[in-house]
Protein backbone atom coordinates (compact mmCIF):
# COMPACT_ATOMS: atom_id res chain seq x y z
CA MET A 1 2.63 21.44 0.81
CA GLN A 2 0.04 24.13 -0.03
CA GLY A 3 -2.67 21.93 1.45
CA LEU A 4 -0.58 21.33 4.58
CA LEU A 5 0.13 25.03 4.95
CA ALA A 6 -3.56 25.84 4.43
CA PHE A 7 -4.46 23.24 7.09
CA LEU A 8 -1.98 24.71 9.56
CA LYS A 9 -3.22 28.26 8.87
CA GLY A 10 -6.78 27.09 9.40
CA LEU A 11 -5.89 25.68 12.83
CA GLY A 12 -4.80 29.00 14.24
CA ALA A 13 -1.99 29.97 16.63
CA SER A 14 -3.65 28.66 19.78
CA ARG A 15 -4.20 25.21 18.29
CA LEU A 16 -0.62 25.01 17.04
CA MET A 17 0.78 25.90 20.50
CA ALA A 18 -1.46 23.32 22.14
CA MET A 19 -0.33 20.62 19.69
CA VAL A 20 3.34 21.48 20.26
CA ALA A 21 2.86 21.31 24.05
CA VAL A 22 1.07 17.96 23.85
CA THR A 23 3.79 16.58 21.56
CA ALA A 24 6.54 17.69 23.95
CA VAL A 25 4.76 16.12 26.93
CA LEU A 26 4.30 12.86 25.00
CA ILE A 27 7.95 12.73 23.98
CA GLY A 28 9.15 13.43 27.54
CA PHE A 29 6.80 10.88 29.13
CA PHE A 30 7.62 8.04 26.77
CA ALA A 31 11.33 8.88 26.95
CA PHE A 32 11.14 8.56 30.76
CA VAL A 33 9.31 5.22 30.45
CA ILE A 34 11.82 3.86 27.92
CA MET A 35 14.80 4.97 30.01
CA ARG A 36 13.27 3.48 33.14
CA VAL A 37 12.58 0.16 31.43
CA THR A 38 15.96 -0.07 29.72
CA THR A 39 17.96 0.98 32.80
CA PRO A 40 19.88 -2.08 34.16
CA GLN A 41 18.73 -3.51 37.47
CA MET A 42 21.00 -2.30 40.27
CA THR A 43 22.15 -4.44 43.18
CA THR A 44 24.45 -3.96 46.16
CA LEU A 45 28.18 -4.23 45.51
CA PHE A 46 29.45 -3.49 49.05
CA THR A 47 27.89 -2.18 52.26
CA ASP A 48 29.22 -0.43 55.38
CA LEU A 49 32.18 1.03 53.51
CA SER A 50 34.53 3.56 55.01
CA VAL A 51 35.24 6.83 53.25
CA GLU A 52 38.64 5.62 52.04
CA ASP A 53 37.29 2.36 50.63
CA SER A 54 34.31 4.10 49.02
CA SER A 55 36.49 6.66 47.25
CA GLY A 56 38.86 3.97 45.99
CA ILE A 57 36.01 1.82 44.63
CA ILE A 58 34.32 4.80 42.94
CA LYS A 59 37.59 5.78 41.25
CA ASP A 60 37.99 2.25 39.88
CA LEU A 61 34.35 2.15 38.65
CA GLU A 62 34.75 5.48 36.86
CA ARG A 63 37.92 4.22 35.21
CA GLN A 64 36.00 1.19 33.88
CA ALA A 65 33.01 3.37 32.81
CA ILE A 66 30.56 1.30 34.87
CA PRO A 67 27.38 3.04 36.11
CA PHE A 68 26.90 3.07 39.87
CA GLU A 69 24.72 4.61 42.57
CA LEU A 70 25.66 5.83 46.04
CA ARG A 71 23.39 5.40 49.04
CA ASN A 72 23.62 5.97 52.78
CA ASP A 73 26.19 8.76 52.38
CA GLY A 74 28.50 6.61 50.28
CA ALA A 75 28.50 3.61 52.63
CA VAL A 76 26.53 1.53 50.08
CA ILE A 77 27.46 1.25 46.38
CA MET A 78 24.99 -0.11 43.82
CA VAL A 79 26.07 -1.50 40.43
CA PRO A 80 24.30 -3.39 37.60
CA LYS A 81 23.25 -6.86 38.70
CA ASP A 82 24.89 -8.66 35.77
CA LYS A 83 28.32 -7.17 36.63
CA VAL A 84 28.43 -7.49 40.40
CA THR A 85 30.29 -10.84 40.54
CA ARG A 86 33.00 -9.78 38.09
CA LEU A 87 33.44 -6.44 39.86
CA ARG A 88 33.86 -8.07 43.26
CA MET A 89 36.59 -10.36 41.94
CA LYS A 90 38.25 -7.45 40.12
CA LEU A 91 38.21 -5.23 43.21
CA ALA A 92 39.42 -8.09 45.41
CA GLU A 93 42.40 -8.46 43.09
CA ALA A 94 43.17 -4.76 43.63
CA GLY A 95 42.84 -5.15 47.41
CA LEU A 96 39.52 -3.30 47.76
CA PRO A 97 37.86 -2.85 50.11
CA LYS A 98 40.66 -2.69 52.65
CA GLY A 99 38.27 -2.86 55.58
CA GLY A 100 38.90 0.59 56.98
CA GLY A 101 42.13 -0.43 58.73
CA VAL A 102 45.86 -0.45 58.10
CA GLY A 103 47.54 -3.78 57.53
CA TYR A 104 51.00 -4.92 56.56
CA GLU A 105 50.79 -2.73 53.47
CA ILE A 106 51.98 0.10 55.70
CA PHE A 107 55.50 -1.17 55.07
CA ASP A 108 55.18 -1.16 51.28
CA LYS A 109 55.85 2.56 50.70
CA SER A 110 57.78 3.48 53.83
CA ASP A 111 61.40 4.61 53.79
CA ALA A 112 63.21 2.32 56.20
CA LEU A 113 66.48 4.25 56.03
CA GLY A 114 65.11 7.37 57.68
CA THR A 115 62.76 5.66 60.14
CA THR A 116 63.60 5.24 63.78
CA SER A 117 63.10 2.02 65.70
CA PHE A 118 60.27 3.63 67.68
CA VAL A 119 58.32 4.41 64.48
CA GLN A 120 59.00 0.93 63.16
CA ASN A 121 57.62 -0.64 66.33
CA ILE A 122 54.51 1.57 66.18
CA ASN A 123 53.94 0.66 62.52
CA ARG A 124 54.35 -3.02 63.34
CA LEU A 125 51.79 -2.73 66.12
CA ARG A 126 49.34 -0.89 63.82
CA ALA A 127 49.80 -3.46 61.08
CA LEU A 128 49.20 -6.35 63.48
CA GLU A 129 46.06 -4.73 64.88
CA GLY A 130 44.70 -4.01 61.39
CA GLU A 131 45.31 -7.55 60.15
CA LEU A 132 43.61 -9.02 63.21
CA ALA A 133 40.62 -6.69 62.74
CA ARG A 134 40.26 -7.78 59.11
CA THR A 135 40.40 -11.44 60.09
CA ILE A 136 37.78 -11.01 62.81
CA ARG A 137 35.45 -9.18 60.38
CA ALA A 138 35.45 -12.30 58.20
CA ILE A 139 33.52 -14.17 60.92
CA ASP A 140 29.79 -14.45 60.47
CA ARG A 141 27.65 -11.88 62.35
CA VAL A 142 30.67 -9.60 62.92
CA GLN A 143 30.05 -6.33 61.12
CA ASP A 144 33.08 -4.37 62.31
CA ALA A 145 35.99 -4.91 64.69
CA ARG A 146 38.63 -2.81 66.41
CA VAL A 147 41.67 -4.43 68.06
CA HIS A 148 44.01 -2.87 70.64
CA LEU A 149 47.20 -4.72 71.61
CA VAL A 150 49.48 -4.05 74.57
CA LEU A 151 52.93 -5.56 73.99
CA PRO A 152 55.08 -4.39 76.92
CA GLU A 153 58.87 -4.54 76.77
CA ARG A 154 60.78 -6.40 79.43
CA PRO A 155 62.48 -3.94 81.79
CA LEU A 156 66.14 -4.35 82.61
CA PHE A 157 67.25 -6.31 85.67
CA THR A 158 63.90 -8.06 86.07
CA ARG A 159 63.29 -11.78 86.23
CA GLU A 160 59.66 -11.87 85.14
CA ALA A 161 58.51 -10.28 81.88
CA PRO A 162 55.07 -8.54 81.84
CA GLN A 163 52.45 -10.46 79.91
CA PRO A 164 50.83 -8.95 76.79
CA SER A 165 47.10 -8.27 76.67
CA ALA A 166 44.47 -7.38 74.06
CA SER A 167 41.07 -5.69 73.96
CA ILE A 168 38.56 -6.05 71.12
CA VAL A 169 35.47 -3.98 70.34
CA LEU A 170 32.93 -5.66 68.05
CA ARG A 171 29.90 -4.42 66.18
CA VAL A 172 27.73 -7.44 65.56
CA ARG A 173 24.48 -8.26 63.80
CA GLY A 174 22.32 -9.99 66.36
CA GLY A 175 24.38 -11.85 68.95
CA LEU A 176 27.50 -14.00 69.09
CA GLU A 177 27.47 -17.55 70.38
CA PRO A 178 29.90 -18.62 73.13
CA GLN A 179 31.82 -20.77 70.65
CA GLN A 180 32.39 -17.76 68.41
CA ILE A 181 33.64 -15.64 71.33
CA ARG A 182 36.12 -18.36 72.33
CA ALA A 183 37.23 -18.68 68.72
CA ILE A 184 37.99 -14.95 68.54
CA ARG A 185 40.00 -15.09 71.78
CA HIS A 186 42.06 -18.06 70.61
CA LEU A 187 42.55 -16.49 67.19
CA VAL A 188 44.04 -13.31 68.66
CA ALA A 189 46.10 -15.22 71.25
CA SER A 190 47.60 -17.45 68.56
CA ALA A 191 48.57 -14.48 66.40
CA VAL A 192 50.46 -12.60 69.15
CA ASN A 193 53.58 -14.05 70.71
CA GLY A 194 53.16 -14.75 74.42
CA LEU A 195 49.50 -13.76 74.58
CA LYS A 196 47.14 -16.08 76.44
CA PRO A 197 43.41 -16.37 75.69
CA GLN A 198 42.64 -15.39 79.29
CA ARG A 199 44.26 -12.00 78.64
CA VAL A 200 41.87 -11.07 75.80
CA SER A 201 38.81 -8.93 76.61
CA ILE A 202 35.90 -8.54 74.19
CA VAL A 203 33.20 -5.84 74.27
CA ASP A 204 30.34 -5.22 71.83
CA GLU A 205 29.07 -1.87 70.54
CA THR A 206 26.48 -1.59 73.31
CA GLY A 207 29.12 -1.82 76.02
CA GLN A 208 28.24 -5.38 77.01
CA LEU A 209 31.19 -7.42 78.24
CA LEU A 210 31.44 -10.62 76.22
CA ALA A 211 34.75 -11.85 77.65
CA ASP A 212 36.34 -10.26 80.72
CA GLY A 213 39.79 -11.82 80.40
CA SER A 214 39.69 -13.30 83.91
CA ALA A 215 38.84 -16.93 83.15
CA THR A 216 40.65 -19.40 85.36
CA ASP A 217 39.89 -22.46 83.28
CA ALA A 218 42.59 -23.67 80.94
CA ASP A 219 40.41 -23.15 77.91
CA GLY A 220 38.52 -20.21 79.28
CA VAL A 221 35.34 -22.26 79.28
CA SER A 222 33.03 -22.41 82.24
CA GLY A 223 31.77 -25.68 83.60
CA ASP A 224 28.18 -25.08 82.52
CA GLU A 225 29.20 -24.44 78.92
CA ARG A 226 31.31 -27.60 78.82
CA ARG A 227 28.51 -29.68 80.28
CA ALA A 228 25.94 -28.19 77.87
CA ALA A 229 28.21 -28.89 74.88
CA PHE A 230 28.76 -32.49 76.04
CA GLU A 231 25.04 -33.10 76.56
CA LYS A 232 24.17 -31.60 73.19
CA ARG A 233 26.71 -33.76 71.37
CA MET A 234 25.63 -36.96 73.11
CA ARG A 235 21.94 -36.17 72.63
CA SER A 236 22.38 -35.64 68.90
CA GLN A 237 24.24 -38.95 68.60
CA VAL A 238 21.59 -40.90 70.50
CA GLU A 239 18.73 -39.24 68.64
CA ALA A 240 20.36 -39.96 65.28
CA ILE A 241 20.81 -43.66 65.98
CA VAL A 242 17.31 -44.08 67.45
CA SER A 243 15.64 -42.12 64.61
CA SER A 244 17.29 -44.41 62.08
CA VAL A 245 15.35 -47.29 63.68
CA VAL A 246 11.94 -45.79 64.53
CA GLY A 247 11.87 -43.04 61.87
CA ASN A 248 12.42 -39.30 61.81
CA GLY A 249 10.29 -37.35 64.25
CA ARG A 250 9.27 -40.44 66.21
CA ALA A 251 11.86 -40.26 69.00
CA ARG A 252 12.56 -37.77 71.80
CA VAL A 253 15.85 -37.95 73.72
CA GLN A 254 16.80 -36.20 76.94
CA LEU A 255 20.30 -36.59 78.37
CA SER A 256 21.74 -35.34 81.65
CA ALA A 257 25.40 -35.55 82.66
CA ASP A 258 26.92 -35.04 86.10
CA PHE A 259 30.41 -33.52 85.94
CA ASP A 260 33.15 -33.28 88.57
CA TYR A 261 35.14 -30.07 88.14
CA ASN A 262 37.73 -30.77 90.89
CA LYS A 263 41.33 -31.09 89.75
CA ILE A 264 43.26 -33.79 91.66
CA THR A 265 47.04 -34.41 91.70
CA GLN A 266 48.13 -37.65 93.45
CA THR A 267 51.72 -38.96 93.97
CA SER A 268 52.45 -42.50 95.33
CA ASP A 269 55.71 -44.41 96.06
CA LYS A 270 55.79 -48.25 95.98
CA PHE A 271 58.68 -50.37 97.40
CA ASP A 272 59.29 -54.04 96.52
CA PRO A 273 61.32 -55.79 99.25
CA GLU A 274 61.89 -58.86 97.12
CA GLY A 275 63.57 -56.92 94.38
CA ARG A 276 66.98 -56.31 96.11
CA VAL A 277 70.07 -55.46 94.08
CA LEU A 278 73.66 -55.25 95.54
CA ARG A 279 74.89 -51.78 94.97
CA SER A 280 78.30 -51.78 96.78
CA SER A 281 80.39 -54.06 99.11
CA GLN A 282 83.27 -53.04 101.47
CA THR A 283 85.52 -55.38 103.58
CA ARG A 284 87.94 -54.20 106.32
CA GLU A 285 90.40 -56.31 108.43
CA GLU A 286 92.59 -55.15 111.37
CA SER A 287 95.26 -57.11 113.43
CA SER A 288 97.50 -55.94 116.34
CA LEU A 289 100.29 -57.47 118.56
CA THR A 290 101.15 -55.93 121.99
CA ALA A 291 104.10 -56.96 124.37
CA ASP A 292 103.58 -57.00 128.15
CA ASN A 293 106.35 -54.98 129.97
CA ASN A 294 104.77 -55.27 133.36
CA GLY A 295 103.86 -51.75 133.41
CA GLN A 296 107.42 -50.42 133.24
CA VAL A 297 107.85 -47.12 131.60
CA THR A 298 111.35 -46.63 130.29
CA VAL A 299 112.98 -44.31 127.86
CA ASN A 300 113.72 -47.20 125.58
CA ASN A 301 110.09 -48.21 125.40
CA GLU A 302 108.93 -44.73 124.48
CA LEU A 303 111.53 -43.99 121.81
CA PRO A 304 110.17 -44.19 118.28
CA GLY A 305 111.48 -47.12 116.33
CA ASN A 306 112.23 -49.01 119.49
CA GLN A 307 112.65 -52.67 118.80
CA PRO A 308 111.11 -54.93 121.25
CA SER A 309 113.50 -57.07 123.12
CA ASP A 310 113.88 -60.67 122.12
CA ASN A 311 113.43 -61.85 125.55
CA PRO A 312 111.37 -64.96 125.29
CA ASN A 313 110.02 -64.44 128.72
CA THR A 314 108.19 -61.31 127.65
CA ALA A 315 104.43 -61.74 127.45
CA ARG A 316 102.64 -60.75 124.18
CA ASP A 317 98.90 -59.69 123.36
CA GLN A 318 97.65 -60.34 119.81
CA SER A 319 94.16 -59.17 118.36
CA LYS A 320 92.48 -59.42 114.89
CA LYS A 321 89.33 -57.53 113.60
CA SER A 322 87.39 -58.07 110.34
CA GLU A 323 84.51 -55.77 109.06
CA GLU A 324 82.33 -56.13 105.88
CA THR A 325 79.71 -53.58 104.62
CA ASN A 326 77.16 -54.39 101.81
CA ASN A 327 74.78 -51.76 100.32
CA TYR A 328 71.57 -52.97 98.57
CA GLU A 329 69.04 -51.05 96.32
CA ILE A 330 65.39 -51.80 96.99
CA SER A 331 62.95 -51.63 93.99
CA ARG A 332 60.88 -48.37 94.19
CA THR A 333 58.02 -47.09 91.94
CA THR A 334 56.92 -43.42 92.03
CA LYS A 335 53.57 -42.67 90.36
CA THR A 336 52.04 -39.21 89.89
CA GLU A 337 48.45 -38.97 88.68
CA VAL A 338 46.82 -35.70 87.61
CA THR A 339 43.05 -35.84 87.15
CA GLU A 340 41.85 -32.86 85.12
CA ALA A 341 38.63 -31.06 85.92
CA GLY A 342 35.51 -32.06 84.04
CA ARG A 343 35.21 -35.75 84.71
CA VAL A 344 31.89 -37.41 83.99
CA ASN A 345 30.49 -38.92 87.16
CA ARG A 346 27.18 -40.21 85.81
CA ILE A 347 25.02 -40.09 82.66
CA SER A 348 21.24 -40.45 82.60
CA VAL A 349 19.37 -40.93 79.31
CA ALA A 350 15.60 -40.99 78.76
CA VAL A 351 14.36 -42.09 75.33
CA LEU A 352 10.73 -41.81 74.31
CA VAL A 353 9.78 -43.61 71.09
CA ASP A 354 6.51 -43.65 69.22
CA GLY A 355 4.80 -46.82 68.13
CA ALA A 356 4.29 -48.17 64.64
CA TYR A 357 1.40 -47.23 62.35
CA ALA A 358 -0.19 -49.69 59.95
CA ARG A 359 -3.33 -49.75 57.82
CA ASN A 360 -6.15 -52.05 58.78
CA ASP A 361 -8.67 -53.73 56.49
CA LYS A 362 -10.62 -50.48 56.15
CA GLY A 363 -7.55 -48.55 55.07
CA GLN A 364 -7.29 -46.55 58.32
CA MET A 365 -4.03 -45.86 60.15
CA VAL A 366 -3.93 -47.93 63.36
CA TYR A 367 -1.42 -47.47 66.19
CA GLU A 368 0.63 -50.52 67.23
CA GLU A 369 2.89 -50.73 70.27
CA ARG A 370 6.46 -51.85 69.84
CA SER A 371 7.57 -55.15 71.29
CA GLN A 372 9.73 -55.39 74.38
CA GLU A 373 12.44 -57.10 72.37
CA GLN A 374 12.68 -54.11 70.05
CA LEU A 375 12.84 -51.71 73.01
CA ASP A 376 15.66 -53.78 74.54
CA ARG A 377 17.61 -53.57 71.30
CA ILE A 378 17.15 -49.80 71.21
CA ALA A 379 18.36 -49.59 74.83
CA THR A 380 21.44 -51.63 73.90
CA LEU A 381 22.23 -49.21 71.07
CA VAL A 382 21.85 -46.24 73.40
CA ARG A 383 24.19 -47.80 76.00
CA SER A 384 26.82 -48.36 73.36
CA ALA A 385 26.45 -44.79 72.05
CA ILE A 386 26.96 -43.11 75.44
CA GLY A 387 29.67 -45.45 76.73
CA PHE A 388 27.53 -46.97 79.45
CA ASP A 389 29.36 -47.77 82.70
CA GLN A 390 27.38 -49.55 85.38
CA LYS A 391 30.00 -48.89 88.08
CA ARG A 392 29.67 -45.20 87.40
CA GLY A 393 25.92 -45.35 87.99
CA ASP A 394 24.70 -44.62 84.44
CA GLN A 395 21.00 -45.05 83.70
CA VAL A 396 19.18 -45.65 80.39
CA GLU A 397 15.39 -45.76 80.10
CA VAL A 398 13.56 -46.48 76.83
CA VAL A 399 9.76 -46.08 76.94
CA ASN A 400 7.21 -46.62 74.18
CA LEU A 401 4.23 -44.22 74.25
CA LYS A 402 1.86 -42.90 71.63
CA PHE A 403 2.63 -39.38 70.48
CA ALA A 404 -0.10 -36.76 70.37
CA GLU A 405 -0.27 -36.79 66.55
CA PRO A 406 1.26 -39.16 64.03
CA PRO A 407 4.08 -37.65 62.05
CA VAL A 408 3.00 -36.29 58.71
CA VAL A 409 5.80 -35.71 56.24
CA VAL A 410 4.75 -33.97 53.06
CA PRO A 411 7.55 -33.90 50.49
CA LEU A 412 7.95 -30.63 48.70
CA ALA A 413 7.49 -31.03 44.98
CA GLU A 414 10.30 -29.43 43.06
CA PRO A 415 9.12 -27.52 39.98
CA THR A 416 10.26 -29.15 36.77
CA GLY A 417 10.08 -28.28 33.10
CA TRP A 418 8.70 -24.84 32.30
CA LEU A 419 7.73 -24.28 35.93
CA GLY A 420 11.34 -24.71 36.98
CA MET A 421 12.50 -22.29 34.33
CA MET A 422 9.86 -19.74 35.33
CA THR A 423 10.92 -19.69 38.99
CA LEU A 424 11.39 -16.04 39.84
CA THR A 425 13.39 -14.47 42.60
CA LYS A 426 12.30 -11.53 44.70
CA ASP A 427 14.26 -9.10 42.53
CA ASP A 428 12.68 -10.49 39.36
CA VAL A 429 9.17 -10.15 40.80
CA MET A 430 9.82 -6.55 41.82
CA TYR A 431 11.22 -5.76 38.37
CA VAL A 432 8.17 -7.25 36.61
CA PHE A 433 5.85 -5.40 38.99
CA GLU A 434 7.65 -2.14 38.21
CA LEU A 435 7.29 -2.70 34.47
CA GLY A 436 3.56 -3.41 34.90
CA VAL A 437 3.06 -0.20 36.89
CA MET A 438 4.91 1.85 34.26
CA ALA A 439 2.84 0.31 31.45
CA LEU A 440 -0.43 0.95 33.32
CA LEU A 441 0.61 4.54 34.00
CA GLY A 442 1.40 5.03 30.30
CA LEU A 443 -2.04 3.74 29.27
CA VAL A 444 -3.78 5.98 31.81
CA VAL A 445 -1.91 9.06 30.59
CA THR A 446 -2.59 8.18 26.97
CA PHE A 447 -6.36 7.64 27.30
CA MET A 448 -7.18 10.08 30.09
CA VAL A 449 -4.96 13.04 29.21
CA ILE A 450 -3.49 12.89 25.73
CA ARG A 451 -6.54 11.57 23.86
CA PRO A 452 -8.96 14.28 25.12
CA LEU A 453 -6.40 17.00 24.33
CA VAL A 454 -5.92 15.73 20.78
CA GLN A 455 -9.66 15.45 20.21
CA ARG A 456 -10.22 18.98 21.49
CA ILE A 457 -7.48 20.38 19.27
CA LEU A 458 -8.68 18.62 16.13
CA ALA A 459 -12.36 19.39 16.71
CA ALA A 460 -13.78 21.84 14.02
CA GLU A 461 -14.90 25.25 15.26
CA PRO A 462 -18.43 26.42 14.18
CA ALA A 463 -18.24 28.78 11.16
CA THR A 464 -19.50 32.30 11.86
CA PRO A 465 -22.31 33.31 9.44
CA SER A 466 -21.68 36.29 7.19
CA ALA A 467 -24.09 39.27 7.32
CA GLN A 468 -24.25 40.05 3.62
CA PRO A 469 -25.88 36.84 2.38
CA ALA A 470 -28.45 37.04 5.17
CA ALA A 471 -29.32 40.62 4.36
CA ALA A 472 -29.65 39.90 0.64
CA LEU A 473 -32.12 37.05 1.21
CA PRO A 474 -35.72 37.86 0.22
CA VAL A 475 -38.30 37.21 2.91
CA PRO A 476 -41.23 35.29 1.46
CA ALA A 477 -44.73 35.44 2.86
CA ASP A 478 -44.42 31.94 4.22
CA ALA A 479 -40.97 31.82 5.80
CA SER A 480 -40.89 28.07 6.09
CA ALA A 481 -42.16 27.35 2.64
CA GLN A 482 -38.99 27.18 0.59
CA PRO A 483 -35.95 27.35 2.86
CA THR A 484 -34.05 24.40 1.44
CA GLU A 485 -34.02 25.55 -2.18
CA THR A 486 -32.90 29.04 -1.26
CA GLY A 487 -30.08 27.67 0.92
CA GLN A 488 -28.95 25.28 -1.75
CA ASN A 489 -28.86 28.05 -4.34
CA LEU A 490 -26.69 30.26 -2.10
CA ILE A 491 -24.07 27.60 -1.09
CA PRO A 492 -21.39 26.90 -3.67
CA GLY A 493 -19.12 23.90 -3.42
CA SER A 494 -19.12 20.18 -3.82
CA ASN A 495 -18.75 19.05 -0.21
CA ALA A 496 -22.13 17.59 0.83
CA THR A 497 -21.45 17.85 4.57
CA ALA A 498 -20.41 21.48 4.35
CA GLN A 499 -23.52 22.25 2.24
CA LEU A 500 -25.84 20.65 4.81
CA ILE A 501 -24.22 22.67 7.60
CA ASP A 502 -24.60 25.94 5.65
CA VAL A 503 -28.23 25.13 4.75
CA ALA A 504 -29.03 24.54 8.40
CA GLN A 505 -27.50 27.89 9.28
CA VAL A 506 -29.60 29.70 6.60
CA GLN A 507 -32.78 27.99 7.84
CA GLY A 508 -32.05 29.14 11.33
CA GLN A 509 -31.57 32.68 10.19
CA VAL A 510 -34.91 32.60 8.26
CA HIS A 511 -36.76 31.26 11.32
CA ALA A 512 -35.21 33.91 13.51
CA GLN A 513 -36.28 36.69 11.15
CA SER A 514 -39.84 35.29 11.00
CA VAL A 515 -40.11 35.19 14.78
CA HIS A 516 -38.76 38.74 14.96
CA ARG A 517 -41.41 40.04 12.51
CA VAL A 518 -44.20 38.24 14.39
CA GLY A 519 -43.07 39.97 17.55
CA GLU A 520 -43.11 43.37 15.86
CA LEU A 521 -46.66 42.77 14.56
CA ALA A 522 -47.82 41.75 18.06
CA GLU A 523 -46.37 44.96 19.51
CA ARG A 524 -48.12 47.12 16.90
CA ASN A 525 -51.55 45.41 17.20
CA PRO A 526 -51.88 44.06 20.75
CA ALA A 527 -55.70 43.82 20.68
CA GLU A 528 -55.76 41.79 17.50
CA THR A 529 -52.97 39.62 18.80
CA ALA A 530 -54.92 38.88 22.00
CA SER A 531 -58.10 37.99 20.06
CA ILE A 532 -56.14 35.63 17.79
CA ILE A 533 -54.64 33.86 20.80
CA ARG A 534 -58.12 33.49 22.38
CA GLN A 535 -59.41 31.89 19.17
CA TRP A 536 -56.50 29.45 19.21
CA LEU A 537 -57.26 28.53 22.81
CA ALA A 538 -60.97 28.10 22.12
CA GLU A 539 -60.40 25.77 19.20
CA PRO A 540 -60.57 22.07 20.04
CA ALA A 541 -57.23 20.27 20.13
């Protein structure tokens, strides 16, 4: 301890302060490096969160004592990468995030006894809009959605009820395809009673009208979209079956379809005269007897109930009438045909196939044309795939031509063994790069800053010579004759290095005194000094 205290006292106050400062800087720097290296890698838990969802998630993370970071004013929450999957499932179990809207949970904590029917209807409308918005946000490319429903009540004393309508505002990433827009319209129409897809309007965040709600087609699909979808489906089928024969990348298929978008309703009645059936039959018979009274009009003849006289000479008139009516049903057929819009009038298919490639005797790839028989078989397959109808005017052309370049398929080699285990993701590469930068920075600070400071602090200061030993030294006639012995006699101690340093200091002092005395002699005798210098110059070297 005495030696340590003596060493510290020998350093001085300035050296001690410098060593304390360097030690503090070292501790702080390496503590920062260690904390940075040991800090878990953070990844995104959720993005585009509302204020309510963000506060609820943060409260749950604090309860579980899980570190997190907030970015983009709380809209993005970062958590350790190894815990993100478990946290998402845990938060989903708790119903977080809610999506920034109100769903059917609005009825969980409401007091139904003190709520009017008007408030209940408003809450039902809000809940329905919120649930639809959450469902639409689950679709790919849809970042956010807002749904407005109009469900009018039927007025009294009216025959026709007003139809409901809906308007949707979407915030999308990129653009939505027509199929996705139709899916959203049908999804909302199916969830609301009485709502038709044609009554749903969709607008994006830029104000662009995606669906105007005025489609006249039954499915809300224009003719061009239906034709394009049909051509795409048929082209993929034909290309798949041809590629299985000639090889992938060796066939090009173009298909064109002619559609008829007229809707026709036709009704026809057909009568069969041979197919008679008796429906009803009616027979009527009448007979009358009239006596001839020669035109005499008497009271007796006109009285009701008058009995004709039995005079045999009286002439009589007798008549008889028979009538028969038969009703028959004739066989009748009524036929009503409704031809929907979108009939295929004609299909034209053009198929271009590449030839075959084989190696010749020199090992070179040589092009070979396909035989006509093989092309006819391919054409037969294409006709079967498209439902070829000659009466409709369909056309199929299969042509064999050489492509510009032969197909070159290079299989990608999957890394196996240690290479497969060492496959790094982008996050892993960035983490390794960060560790390398921190290590390089630590080495630079250590060798460029800390090492020079430590060397400067520990470097020995030159000892100041004392005046008393120098004054007590005798000055011999020849100053350089015996300097070493005199220095060795004056320096006590056993340290050889310290003795050599002190001897060198004494020799320097002796030389300085000799030069000083020579200068004094030159000042006192300038003429003699000049003559001595001339003699030295005249002497040969």
